[in-house]
Amino acid sequence: MSALAAQWAQWAAKFAALTRRERAITAAAILLGGGFLIFKFTIDPFLLKARGASRVEATARADLAQQKAQAAVLKAQNADPDAGNRQRLAQAKKDMAAIGQRLASFESGMVPPARMQGFLEGLLAKNRAIELLDLKTLPATRVGAAVVAEKTGATSGTTAQKAKDQDKDRPVQEAAASAAVEGIYQHGIEIRLAGSYNDLLNYLAELERMPQRVMWNSVSLTVEKHPRNVMVLRVYTLSLDRNWLVV
């Protein structure tokens, strides 16, 4: 411990010997370097995982729409029922139910949109050294809309070509339209906090340890006056419900 104390005293003496401008530059470099390491090894991997989860759910949603379209076609063919058609219809419904369960399971692990504000403020209550400057909701957006539209459009076009002038493509179009209305919605909140570098870092770590998940969209850190920093953090949750609680 004495060697460590001596080394620390040596560093402190060197820092004290610097001019005021040099001390400010040195402190800013340390903060920016620490922020970069946090983003590189903590935040960036989490964002990659979040984007991957969104792509998986968008593909699942597109598959669900395709299964609905197939079920609608099979149901429209009940004028000539046979065992093969009934079997395919039953399989399509089974696949739709499985995809629906996957979507519901994913949603259950996220913080509900209506609880987002209380969730974030509850974390603040655990660290009173952090000051809440602003908190606002962001518009809800649907995830994976382009993928769903692309797959359902291709399915509808193929069915219309096979049916020619018949009305067999109508159930497919209705199923595709129904799927387009539904979806996974991203509900976001932008929160501005002020505090020391360590307090803000602890807030982010606590946010990541919570059993129910929220995803980070972006984070920025500004040094106002040492040791006060301002952090702007965007977090969001995913839900099958478009409704959003206005803060």
Protein backbone atom coordinates (compact mmCIF):
# COMPACT_ATOMS: atom_id res chain seq x y z
CA MET A 1 0.00 0.00 0.00
CA SER A 2 2.86 2.42 0.69
CA ALA A 3 4.20 1.99 -2.86
CA LEU A 4 0.75 2.62 -4.28
CA ALA A 5 0.31 5.69 -2.08
CA ALA A 6 3.68 7.01 -3.19
CA GLN A 7 2.82 6.46 -6.84
CA TRP A 8 -0.52 8.19 -6.36
CA ALA A 9 1.16 11.13 -4.62
CA GLN A 10 3.62 11.39 -7.51
CA TRP A 11 0.78 11.51 -10.04
CA ALA A 12 -1.08 14.08 -7.94
CA ALA A 13 2.01 16.26 -7.76
CA LYS A 14 2.48 16.11 -11.52
CA PHE A 15 -1.18 16.97 -12.06
CA ALA A 16 -0.98 19.89 -9.60
CA ALA A 17 2.10 21.20 -11.42
CA LEU A 18 0.14 21.54 -14.64
CA THR A 19 -1.45 24.81 -15.63
CA ARG A 20 -5.19 25.24 -15.26
CA ARG A 21 -5.67 24.79 -19.00
CA GLU A 22 -3.49 21.65 -19.03
CA ARG A 23 -5.43 20.20 -16.10
CA ALA A 24 -8.72 20.78 -17.92
CA ILE A 25 -7.41 19.13 -21.09
CA THR A 26 -6.07 16.16 -19.11
CA ALA A 27 -9.36 15.66 -17.23
CA ALA A 28 -11.37 15.89 -20.46
CA ALA A 29 -9.09 13.33 -22.14
CA ILE A 30 -9.55 10.90 -19.23
CA LEU A 31 -13.36 11.31 -19.31
CA LEU A 32 -13.60 10.93 -23.08
CA GLY A 33 -11.30 7.91 -23.04
CA GLY A 34 -13.35 6.28 -20.31
CA GLY A 35 -16.59 7.05 -22.16
CA PHE A 36 -15.20 5.49 -25.35
CA LEU A 37 -14.23 2.31 -23.51
CA ILE A 38 -17.67 2.07 -21.90
CA PHE A 39 -19.36 2.50 -25.28
CA LYS A 40 -17.02 0.05 -27.03
CA PHE A 41 -17.25 -2.79 -24.54
CA THR A 42 -20.67 -2.25 -22.92
CA ILE A 43 -23.09 -0.19 -24.98
CA ASP A 44 -22.10 -1.08 -28.56
CA PRO A 45 -22.44 -4.89 -28.08
CA PHE A 46 -25.85 -4.33 -26.46
CA LEU A 47 -27.01 -2.24 -29.42
CA LEU A 48 -25.87 -4.96 -31.83
CA LYS A 49 -27.88 -7.52 -29.87
CA ALA A 50 -30.92 -5.21 -29.89
CA ARG A 51 -30.73 -4.76 -33.66
CA GLY A 52 -30.38 -8.51 -34.10
CA ALA A 53 -33.46 -9.09 -31.94
CA SER A 54 -35.45 -6.57 -34.00
CA ARG A 55 -34.49 -8.35 -37.23
CA VAL A 56 -35.50 -11.73 -35.78
CA GLU A 57 -38.86 -10.39 -34.66
CA ALA A 58 -39.45 -8.67 -38.01
CA THR A 59 -38.80 -11.95 -39.81
CA ALA A 60 -41.10 -13.80 -37.43
CA ARG A 61 -43.81 -11.21 -38.05
CA ALA A 62 -43.42 -11.61 -41.81
CA ASP A 63 -43.65 -15.38 -41.46
CA LEU A 64 -46.81 -14.96 -39.40
CA ALA A 65 -48.37 -12.82 -42.12
CA GLN A 66 -47.45 -15.42 -44.73
CA GLN A 67 -49.01 -18.19 -42.65
CA LYS A 68 -52.18 -16.12 -42.26
CA ALA A 69 -52.35 -15.66 -46.00
CA GLN A 70 -51.92 -19.39 -46.58
CA ALA A 71 -54.60 -20.17 -44.01
CA ALA A 72 -56.97 -17.74 -45.72
CA VAL A 73 -56.38 -19.42 -49.10
CA LEU A 74 -56.98 -22.87 -47.67
CA LYS A 75 -60.14 -21.71 -45.94
CA ALA A 76 -61.41 -20.22 -49.21
CA GLN A 77 -61.08 -23.62 -50.85
CA ASN A 78 -63.66 -25.24 -48.56
CA ALA A 79 -66.03 -25.57 -51.53
CA ASP A 80 -63.99 -28.66 -52.40
CA PRO A 81 -62.86 -29.92 -48.99
CA ASP A 82 -60.50 -32.86 -48.75
CA ALA A 83 -58.16 -34.33 -46.21
CA GLY A 84 -55.06 -32.71 -47.69
CA ASN A 85 -56.48 -29.20 -47.51
CA ARG A 86 -57.72 -29.70 -43.96
CA GLN A 87 -54.31 -30.99 -42.91
CA ARG A 88 -52.49 -28.03 -44.46
CA LEU A 89 -54.93 -25.60 -42.86
CA ALA A 90 -54.40 -27.19 -39.44
CA GLN A 91 -50.62 -26.99 -39.88
CA ALA A 92 -50.83 -23.33 -40.91
CA LYS A 93 -52.85 -22.50 -37.79
CA LYS A 94 -50.36 -24.39 -35.65
CA ASP A 95 -47.46 -22.46 -37.14
CA MET A 96 -49.30 -19.16 -36.60
CA ALA A 97 -49.91 -20.03 -32.94
CA ALA A 98 -46.22 -20.92 -32.45
CA ILE A 99 -45.07 -17.62 -33.95
CA GLY A 100 -47.60 -15.74 -31.82
CA GLN A 101 -46.22 -17.41 -28.69
CA ARG A 102 -42.68 -16.40 -29.67
CA LEU A 103 -43.76 -12.78 -30.05
CA ALA A 104 -45.63 -12.81 -26.73
CA SER A 105 -42.65 -14.40 -24.95
CA PHE A 106 -40.29 -11.73 -26.29
CA GLU A 107 -42.67 -8.96 -25.20
CA SER A 108 -43.00 -10.36 -21.66
CA GLY A 109 -39.27 -9.82 -21.07
CA MET A 110 -39.48 -6.10 -21.87
CA VAL A 111 -40.63 -3.27 -19.59
CA PRO A 112 -44.24 -2.39 -20.56
CA PRO A 113 -44.53 1.07 -22.20
CA ALA A 114 -46.90 2.28 -19.46
CA ARG A 115 -44.23 1.55 -16.81
CA MET A 116 -41.24 3.07 -18.60
CA GLN A 117 -41.34 6.42 -16.78
CA GLY A 118 -41.70 4.84 -13.34
CA PHE A 119 -39.01 2.29 -14.19
CA LEU A 120 -36.43 4.98 -15.03
CA GLU A 121 -37.39 7.24 -12.11
CA GLY A 122 -37.17 4.26 -9.74
CA LEU A 123 -33.55 3.79 -10.73
CA LEU A 124 -32.91 7.47 -10.08
CA ALA A 125 -34.30 7.13 -6.56
CA LYS A 126 -31.50 4.67 -5.78
CA ASN A 127 -28.86 7.29 -6.58
CA ARG A 128 -29.86 10.71 -5.31
CA ALA A 129 -26.59 12.23 -6.48
CA ILE A 130 -27.99 12.19 -10.03
CA GLU A 131 -30.22 15.07 -11.10
CA LEU A 132 -33.07 14.54 -13.59
CA LEU A 133 -32.99 17.45 -16.06
CA ASP A 134 -35.57 16.30 -18.60
CA LEU A 135 -37.62 13.27 -19.58
CA LYS A 136 -39.76 13.02 -22.69
CA THR A 137 -41.40 10.30 -24.74
CA LEU A 138 -40.60 9.62 -28.38
CA PRO A 139 -43.20 8.67 -31.02
CA ALA A 140 -44.02 4.97 -31.23
CA THR A 141 -42.70 3.34 -34.41
CA ARG A 142 -43.45 -0.07 -35.90
CA VAL A 143 -40.49 -2.46 -36.20
CA GLY A 144 -39.99 -4.50 -39.37
CA ALA A 145 -42.76 -2.88 -41.43
CA ALA A 146 -40.74 -3.04 -44.65
CA VAL A 147 -40.01 -6.76 -44.31
CA VAL A 148 -43.67 -7.59 -43.65
CA ALA A 149 -44.84 -5.52 -46.62
CA GLU A 150 -42.29 -7.16 -48.93
CA LYS A 151 -43.23 -10.74 -48.02
CA THR A 152 -47.00 -10.20 -47.96
CA GLY A 153 -46.85 -8.37 -51.27
CA ALA A 154 -44.95 -11.24 -52.88
CA THR A 155 -47.44 -13.77 -51.50
CA SER A 156 -50.42 -11.78 -52.78
CA GLY A 157 -48.90 -11.42 -56.24
CA THR A 158 -48.20 -15.15 -56.57
CA THR A 159 -51.72 -16.05 -55.47
CA ALA A 160 -53.29 -13.61 -57.91
CA GLN A 161 -51.28 -15.07 -60.78
CA LYS A 162 -52.40 -18.60 -59.96
CA ALA A 163 -56.03 -17.63 -59.41
CA LYS A 164 -56.12 -15.48 -62.56
CA ASP A 165 -59.58 -13.89 -62.78
CA GLN A 166 -61.00 -15.71 -59.78
CA ASP A 167 -61.51 -14.17 -56.36
CA LYS A 168 -59.20 -16.59 -54.57
CA ASP A 169 -56.61 -13.85 -53.99
CA ARG A 170 -59.04 -11.75 -51.94
CA PRO A 171 -58.53 -13.68 -48.65
CA VAL A 172 -54.77 -13.36 -49.11
CA GLN A 173 -54.98 -9.60 -49.55
CA GLU A 174 -57.23 -9.28 -46.50
CA ALA A 175 -54.84 -11.34 -44.39
CA ALA A 176 -51.88 -9.27 -45.57
CA ALA A 177 -53.71 -6.04 -44.77
CA SER A 178 -54.56 -7.34 -41.30
CA ALA A 179 -50.93 -8.26 -40.67
CA ALA A 180 -49.79 -4.79 -41.78
CA VAL A 181 -52.01 -3.15 -39.15
CA GLU A 182 -50.55 -5.32 -36.40
CA GLY A 183 -46.87 -5.35 -35.50
CA ILE A 184 -44.15 -4.88 -32.93
CA TYR A 185 -43.88 -1.29 -31.78
CA GLN A 186 -40.83 0.51 -30.43
CA HIS A 187 -41.61 2.93 -27.57
CA GLY A 188 -38.77 5.26 -26.65
CA ILE A 189 -37.90 7.77 -23.94
CA GLU A 190 -35.14 10.40 -23.98
CA ILE A 191 -33.81 11.23 -20.52
CA ARG A 192 -31.26 13.92 -19.55
CA LEU A 193 -29.32 13.38 -16.33
CA ALA A 194 -26.61 15.33 -14.53
CA GLY A 195 -24.07 13.99 -12.08
CA SER A 196 -20.53 12.81 -11.65
CA TYR A 197 -18.96 10.42 -14.12
CA ASN A 198 -19.06 7.52 -11.64
CA ASP A 199 -22.68 8.15 -10.65
CA LEU A 200 -23.81 8.17 -14.29
CA LEU A 201 -21.81 5.04 -15.00
CA ASN A 202 -23.43 3.30 -12.02
CA TYR A 203 -26.86 4.31 -13.34
CA LEU A 204 -26.13 2.65 -16.69
CA ALA A 205 -24.81 -0.48 -14.99
CA GLU A 206 -27.91 -0.69 -12.78
CA LEU A 207 -30.13 -0.24 -15.84
CA GLU A 208 -28.47 -3.21 -17.51
CA ARG A 209 -28.81 -5.43 -14.43
CA MET A 210 -32.59 -5.05 -14.15
CA PRO A 211 -34.55 -8.29 -14.75
CA GLN A 212 -36.95 -6.63 -17.19
CA ARG A 213 -35.15 -5.24 -20.22
CA VAL A 214 -35.02 -1.89 -21.94
CA MET A 215 -32.78 -1.28 -24.94
CA TRP A 216 -30.36 1.59 -25.42
CA ASN A 217 -30.68 3.52 -28.65
CA SER A 218 -28.04 6.21 -28.06
CA VAL A 219 -26.07 7.86 -25.26
CA SER A 220 -23.98 11.03 -25.16
CA LEU A 221 -21.91 12.59 -22.39
CA THR A 222 -21.01 16.27 -22.02
CA VAL A 223 -18.65 17.67 -19.41
CA GLU A 224 -20.14 20.90 -18.04
CA LYS A 225 -17.81 21.63 -15.16
CA HIS A 226 -15.81 19.00 -13.34
CA PRO A 227 -17.13 16.89 -11.73
CA ARG A 228 -20.59 17.64 -13.22
CA ASN A 229 -21.46 15.83 -16.46
CA VAL A 230 -24.68 15.79 -18.48
CA MET A 231 -25.77 12.52 -20.08
CA VAL A 232 -28.50 12.23 -22.72
CA LEU A 233 -29.78 8.67 -22.93
CA ARG A 234 -32.37 7.21 -25.28
CA VAL A 235 -33.93 3.93 -24.20
CA TYR A 236 -36.80 2.00 -25.68
CA THR A 237 -38.95 -1.05 -25.11
CA LEU A 238 -40.80 -3.28 -27.57
CA SER A 239 -44.50 -4.11 -27.36
CA LEU A 240 -47.28 -5.60 -29.46
CA ASP A 241 -49.44 -2.67 -28.33
CA ARG A 242 -49.15 0.64 -30.15
CA ASN A 243 -50.63 2.64 -27.26
CA TRP A 244 -48.10 4.89 -25.53
CA LEU A 245 -48.30 6.55 -22.13
CA VAL A 246 -47.71 10.29 -22.59
CA VAL A 247 -45.36 11.73 -19.95
